[in-house]
Amino acid sequence: MEYKKLTAKEYLRTIKIIHIAIVVGAIMMAMVMLTMHYSGDVVNVDGVSNIQFLIIDIVIVISLFFAGNFLFNKSMQKIHLLTELKAKTSAYITAFIIRIALLEGGVISSFILFVITGDLIIIGLGTLVLIYMIILFPSLDRICREMKLNPSEIMTLKNSNEIVAEIKQTK
């Protein structure tokens, strides 16, 4: 298995691109769902009330929110025990992707259920999660703080030409 070595600059660019891609994907999905709803392409589900769909959405969103944060925090606990910066950064990008992807699942479920129900509370819940996803933008300061890096590791990450991560490559 091959590994690609990433400089600090490449690492930060990679994690930011991943974040932006997932957020933009969620926004595009939301736009498609809104277009479907307002164009009249609504799915009618007889015998099920909006409150039932609202409860389902709340359960899905809260479950995915807590699962994402739980898994991220468990990963951070493991990262804090690591001594090598390359191991920390590689583990961090994985934890970050899992967290943001689970949040995206909550956004998508909210907008799908909005198409079914037209309930603005459901779309509001999805929008709140989307805003939270945007807030989680992986800045250098956030990454350093979440990984609890020491001052020398922070300086290494700030040096854009320093190799800071090794990512598995698939062919």
C-alpha atoms as a PDB file:
ATOM      1  CA  MET A   1       0.000   0.000   0.000  1.00  0.00           C
ATOM      2  CA  GLU A   2       1.329   3.396  -0.966  1.00  0.00           C
ATOM      3  CA  TYR A   3       1.308   6.472   1.226  1.00  0.00           C
ATOM      4  CA  LYS A   4       1.263  10.038   0.002  1.00  0.00           C
ATOM      5  CA  LYS A   5       3.278  12.447   2.096  1.00  0.00           C
ATOM      6  CA  LEU A   6       1.579  15.783   2.651  1.00  0.00           C
ATOM      7  CA  THR A   7       3.195  19.053   3.594  1.00  0.00           C
ATOM      8  CA  ALA A   8       1.425  21.234   6.137  1.00  0.00           C
ATOM      9  CA  LYS A   9       0.073  23.381   3.313  1.00  0.00           C
ATOM     10  CA  GLU A  10      -1.216  20.335   1.385  1.00  0.00           C
ATOM     11  CA  TYR A  11      -2.695  18.819   4.549  1.00  0.00           C
ATOM     12  CA  LEU A  12      -4.643  21.956   5.415  1.00  0.00           C
ATOM     13  CA  ARG A  13      -5.788  22.380   1.815  1.00  0.00           C
ATOM     14  CA  THR A  14      -6.903  18.737   1.670  1.00  0.00           C
ATOM     15  CA  ILE A  15      -8.960  18.850   4.853  1.00  0.00           C
ATOM     16  CA  LYS A  16     -10.519  22.182   3.841  1.00  0.00           C
ATOM     17  CA  ILE A  17     -11.445  20.820   0.399  1.00  0.00           C
ATOM     18  CA  ILE A  18     -13.035  17.763   2.012  1.00  0.00           C
ATOM     19  CA  HIS A  19     -15.030  19.993   4.351  1.00  0.00           C
ATOM     20  CA  ILE A  20     -16.166  22.305   1.575  1.00  0.00           C
ATOM     21  CA  ALA A  21     -17.105  19.371  -0.685  1.00  0.00           C
ATOM     22  CA  ILE A  22     -19.261  17.744   1.980  1.00  0.00           C
ATOM     23  CA  VAL A  23     -20.947  21.033   2.935  1.00  0.00           C
ATOM     24  CA  VAL A  24     -21.565  21.971  -0.714  1.00  0.00           C
ATOM     25  CA  GLY A  25     -22.955  18.476  -1.333  1.00  0.00           C
ATOM     26  CA  ALA A  26     -25.399  18.933   1.535  1.00  0.00           C
ATOM     27  CA  ILE A  27     -26.384  22.388   0.250  1.00  0.00           C
ATOM     28  CA  MET A  28     -26.935  21.037  -3.274  1.00  0.00           C
ATOM     29  CA  MET A  29     -29.072  18.208  -1.899  1.00  0.00           C
ATOM     30  CA  ALA A  30     -31.077  20.763   0.081  1.00  0.00           C
ATOM     31  CA  MET A  31     -31.590  22.870  -3.037  1.00  0.00           C
ATOM     32  CA  VAL A  32     -32.812  19.844  -5.009  1.00  0.00           C
ATOM     33  CA  MET A  33     -35.228  18.927  -2.230  1.00  0.00           C
ATOM     34  CA  LEU A  34     -36.522  22.507  -1.959  1.00  0.00           C
ATOM     35  CA  THR A  35     -36.989  22.650  -5.736  1.00  0.00           C
ATOM     36  CA  MET A  36     -38.879  19.357  -5.671  1.00  0.00           C
ATOM     37  CA  HIS A  37     -41.124  20.553  -2.881  1.00  0.00           C
ATOM     38  CA  TYR A  38     -41.963  23.926  -4.373  1.00  0.00           C
ATOM     39  CA  SER A  39     -42.437  22.536  -7.892  1.00  0.00           C
ATOM     40  CA  GLY A  40     -45.127  20.206  -6.601  1.00  0.00           C
ATOM     41  CA  ASP A  41     -43.146  16.969  -6.841  1.00  0.00           C
ATOM     42  CA  VAL A  42     -44.148  16.040  -3.309  1.00  0.00           C
ATOM     43  CA  VAL A  43     -44.421  12.501  -2.034  1.00  0.00           C
ATOM     44  CA  ASN A  44     -47.756  11.877  -0.351  1.00  0.00           C
ATOM     45  CA  VAL A  45     -47.700   9.419   2.506  1.00  0.00           C
ATOM     46  CA  ASP A  46     -51.238   8.624   3.569  1.00  0.00           C
ATOM     47  CA  GLY A  47     -51.990   7.856   7.196  1.00  0.00           C
ATOM     48  CA  VAL A  48     -48.824   9.383   8.644  1.00  0.00           C
ATOM     49  CA  SER A  49     -48.954  12.794  10.283  1.00  0.00           C
ATOM     50  CA  ASN A  50     -46.320  15.510  10.097  1.00  0.00           C
ATOM     51  CA  ILE A  51     -45.668  15.144  13.824  1.00  0.00           C
ATOM     52  CA  GLN A  52     -44.589  11.540  13.286  1.00  0.00           C
ATOM     53  CA  PHE A  53     -42.135  12.628  10.595  1.00  0.00           C
ATOM     54  CA  LEU A  54     -40.925  15.437  12.848  1.00  0.00           C
ATOM     55  CA  ILE A  55     -40.234  12.957  15.639  1.00  0.00           C
ATOM     56  CA  ILE A  56     -38.436  10.650  13.202  1.00  0.00           C
ATOM     57  CA  ASP A  57     -36.319  13.548  11.955  1.00  0.00           C
ATOM     58  CA  ILE A  58     -35.467  14.738  15.453  1.00  0.00           C
ATOM     59  CA  VAL A  59     -34.378  11.220  16.421  1.00  0.00           C
ATOM     60  CA  ILE A  60     -32.256  10.851  13.264  1.00  0.00           C
ATOM     61  CA  VAL A  61     -30.619  14.280  13.552  1.00  0.00           C
ATOM     62  CA  ILE A  62     -29.899  14.016  17.279  1.00  0.00           C
ATOM     63  CA  SER A  63     -28.601  10.445  16.917  1.00  0.00           C
ATOM     64  CA  LEU A  64     -26.258  11.389  14.078  1.00  0.00           C
ATOM     65  CA  PHE A  65     -25.146  14.566  15.889  1.00  0.00           C
ATOM     66  CA  PHE A  66     -24.252  12.683  19.065  1.00  0.00           C
ATOM     67  CA  ALA A  67     -22.749   9.729  17.181  1.00  0.00           C
ATOM     68  CA  GLY A  68     -20.525  12.050  15.150  1.00  0.00           C
ATOM     69  CA  ASN A  69     -19.381  14.003  18.184  1.00  0.00           C
ATOM     70  CA  PHE A  70     -18.934  10.844  20.269  1.00  0.00           C
ATOM     71  CA  LEU A  71     -16.781   9.170  17.615  1.00  0.00           C
ATOM     72  CA  PHE A  72     -14.827  12.388  17.047  1.00  0.00           C
ATOM     73  CA  ASN A  73     -14.157  12.819  20.776  1.00  0.00           C
ATOM     74  CA  LYS A  74     -13.129   9.156  21.138  1.00  0.00           C
ATOM     75  CA  SER A  75     -10.709   9.652  18.257  1.00  0.00           C
ATOM     76  CA  MET A  76      -9.368  12.821  19.879  1.00  0.00           C
ATOM     77  CA  GLN A  77      -8.692  10.881  23.094  1.00  0.00           C
ATOM     78  CA  LYS A  78      -6.628   8.393  21.083  1.00  0.00           C
ATOM     79  CA  ILE A  79      -4.882  11.183  19.164  1.00  0.00           C
ATOM     80  CA  HIS A  80      -3.879  12.890  22.416  1.00  0.00           C
ATOM     81  CA  LEU A  81      -1.982   9.718  23.367  1.00  0.00           C
ATOM     82  CA  LEU A  82       0.000   9.619  20.117  1.00  0.00           C
ATOM     83  CA  THR A  83       3.487  11.090  20.094  1.00  0.00           C
ATOM     84  CA  GLU A  84       4.204  11.494  16.387  1.00  0.00           C
ATOM     85  CA  LEU A  85       2.625  14.437  14.556  1.00  0.00           C
ATOM     86  CA  LYS A  86       2.156  12.441  11.324  1.00  0.00           C
ATOM     87  CA  ALA A  87       0.100   9.856  13.186  1.00  0.00           C
ATOM     88  CA  LYS A  88      -1.967  12.583  14.844  1.00  0.00           C
ATOM     89  CA  THR A  89      -2.745  14.429  11.615  1.00  0.00           C
ATOM     90  CA  SER A  90      -3.623  11.242   9.741  1.00  0.00           C
ATOM     91  CA  ALA A  91      -5.984  10.137  12.510  1.00  0.00           C
ATOM     92  CA  TYR A  92      -7.480  13.628  12.758  1.00  0.00           C
ATOM     93  CA  ILE A  93      -8.492  13.808   9.105  1.00  0.00           C
ATOM     94  CA  THR A  94     -10.286  10.460   9.444  1.00  0.00           C
ATOM     95  CA  ALA A  95     -12.111  11.575  12.598  1.00  0.00           C
ATOM     96  CA  PHE A  96     -13.052  14.868  10.962  1.00  0.00           C
ATOM     97  CA  ILE A  97     -14.507  13.145   7.880  1.00  0.00           C
ATOM     98  CA  ILE A  98     -16.582  10.758  10.002  1.00  0.00           C
ATOM     99  CA  ARG A  99     -17.952  13.617  12.105  1.00  0.00           C
ATOM    100  CA  ILE A 100     -18.889  15.862   9.181  1.00  0.00           C
ATOM    101  CA  ALA A 101     -20.323  12.963   7.137  1.00  0.00           C
ATOM    102  CA  LEU A 102     -22.644  11.932   9.964  1.00  0.00           C
ATOM    103  CA  LEU A 103     -23.829  15.517  10.282  1.00  0.00           C
ATOM    104  CA  GLU A 104     -24.457  15.560   6.538  1.00  0.00           C
ATOM    105  CA  GLY A 105     -26.696  12.529   6.982  1.00  0.00           C
ATOM    106  CA  GLY A 106     -28.845  14.543   9.376  1.00  0.00           C
ATOM    107  CA  VAL A 107     -29.116  17.413   6.903  1.00  0.00           C
ATOM    108  CA  ILE A 108     -30.087  15.106   4.059  1.00  0.00           C
ATOM    109  CA  SER A 109     -32.697  13.272   6.144  1.00  0.00           C
ATOM    110  CA  SER A 110     -34.245  16.592   7.190  1.00  0.00           C
ATOM    111  CA  PHE A 111     -34.565  17.831   3.643  1.00  0.00           C
ATOM    112  CA  ILE A 112     -35.952  14.516   2.388  1.00  0.00           C
ATOM    113  CA  LEU A 113     -38.569  14.559   5.138  1.00  0.00           C
ATOM    114  CA  PHE A 114     -39.333  18.187   4.294  1.00  0.00           C
ATOM    115  CA  VAL A 115     -40.203  17.123   0.735  1.00  0.00           C
ATOM    116  CA  ILE A 116     -42.579  14.550   2.180  1.00  0.00           C
ATOM    117  CA  THR A 117     -44.227  16.821   4.759  1.00  0.00           C
ATOM    118  CA  GLY A 118     -43.601  20.443   3.817  1.00  0.00           C
ATOM    119  CA  ASP A 119     -43.057  21.078   7.548  1.00  0.00           C
ATOM    120  CA  LEU A 120     -40.882  24.150   8.071  1.00  0.00           C
ATOM    121  CA  ILE A 121     -39.732  22.905  11.487  1.00  0.00           C
ATOM    122  CA  ILE A 122     -38.065  19.962   9.768  1.00  0.00           C
ATOM    123  CA  ILE A 123     -36.295  22.207   7.268  1.00  0.00           C
ATOM    124  CA  GLY A 124     -35.268  24.469  10.162  1.00  0.00           C
ATOM    125  CA  LEU A 125     -33.664  21.537  11.946  1.00  0.00           C
ATOM    126  CA  GLY A 126     -31.735  20.577   8.823  1.00  0.00           C
ATOM    127  CA  THR A 127     -30.630  24.171   8.348  1.00  0.00           C
ATOM    128  CA  LEU A 128     -29.337  24.351  11.937  1.00  0.00           C
ATOM    129  CA  VAL A 129     -27.220  21.250  11.374  1.00  0.00           C
ATOM    130  CA  LEU A 130     -25.956  22.706   8.092  1.00  0.00           C
ATOM    131  CA  ILE A 131     -24.930  25.904   9.893  1.00  0.00           C
ATOM    132  CA  TYR A 132     -23.125  23.796  12.517  1.00  0.00           C
ATOM    133  CA  MET A 133     -21.293  21.966   9.716  1.00  0.00           C
ATOM    134  CA  ILE A 134     -20.154  25.306   8.303  1.00  0.00           C
ATOM    135  CA  ILE A 135     -18.989  26.443  11.757  1.00  0.00           C
ATOM    136  CA  LEU A 136     -16.784  23.328  11.977  1.00  0.00           C
ATOM    137  CA  PHE A 137     -14.563  24.682   9.172  1.00  0.00           C
ATOM    138  CA  PRO A 138     -11.096  23.212   9.822  1.00  0.00           C
ATOM    139  CA  SER A 139      -8.889  26.245  10.442  1.00  0.00           C
ATOM    140  CA  LEU A 140      -5.307  25.749  11.569  1.00  0.00           C
ATOM    141  CA  ASP A 141      -6.185  27.060  15.038  1.00  0.00           C
ATOM    142  CA  ARG A 142      -9.161  24.699  15.377  1.00  0.00           C
ATOM    143  CA  ILE A 143      -7.103  21.693  14.278  1.00  0.00           C
ATOM    144  CA  CYS A 144      -4.280  22.526  16.716  1.00  0.00           C
ATOM    145  CA  ARG A 145      -6.743  23.126  19.562  1.00  0.00           C
ATOM    146  CA  GLU A 146      -8.747  19.947  18.962  1.00  0.00           C
ATOM    147  CA  MET A 147      -5.625  17.794  18.722  1.00  0.00           C
ATOM    148  CA  LYS A 148      -4.084  19.597  21.739  1.00  0.00           C
ATOM    149  CA  LEU A 149      -0.786  20.002  19.930  1.00  0.00           C
ATOM    150  CA  ASN A 150       2.277  21.196  21.799  1.00  0.00           C
ATOM    151  CA  PRO A 151       4.046  24.412  20.690  1.00  0.00           C
ATOM    152  CA  SER A 152       6.648  22.618  18.546  1.00  0.00           C
ATOM    153  CA  GLU A 153       3.939  20.633  16.729  1.00  0.00           C
ATOM    154  CA  ILE A 154       2.012  23.853  16.126  1.00  0.00           C
ATOM    155  CA  MET A 155       5.137  25.452  14.653  1.00  0.00           C
ATOM    156  CA  THR A 156       5.596  22.406  12.399  1.00  0.00           C
ATOM    157  CA  LEU A 157       2.013  22.739  11.147  1.00  0.00           C
ATOM    158  CA  LYS A 158       2.549  26.441  10.539  1.00  0.00           C
ATOM    159  CA  ASN A 159       5.628  25.679   8.415  1.00  0.00           C
ATOM    160  CA  SER A 160       3.914  25.098   5.076  1.00  0.00           C
ATOM    161  CA  ASN A 161       6.752  23.002   3.596  1.00  0.00           C
ATOM    162  CA  GLU A 162       7.106  20.565   6.490  1.00  0.00           C
ATOM    163  CA  ILE A 163       5.834  16.987   5.927  1.00  0.00           C
ATOM    164  CA  VAL A 164       3.062  16.521   8.491  1.00  0.00           C
ATOM    165  CA  ALA A 165       0.925  13.616   7.274  1.00  0.00           C
ATOM    166  CA  GLU A 166       0.956  10.374   5.363  1.00  0.00           C
ATOM    167  CA  ILE A 167      -2.323   9.402   3.725  1.00  0.00           C
ATOM    168  CA  LYS A 168      -3.049   5.945   2.290  1.00  0.00           C
ATOM    169  CA  GLN A 169      -3.504   6.033  -1.464  1.00  0.00           C
ATOM    170  CA  THR A 170      -5.741   3.692  -3.379  1.00  0.00           C
ATOM    171  CA  LYS A 171      -5.096   2.840  -6.977  1.00  0.00           C
END
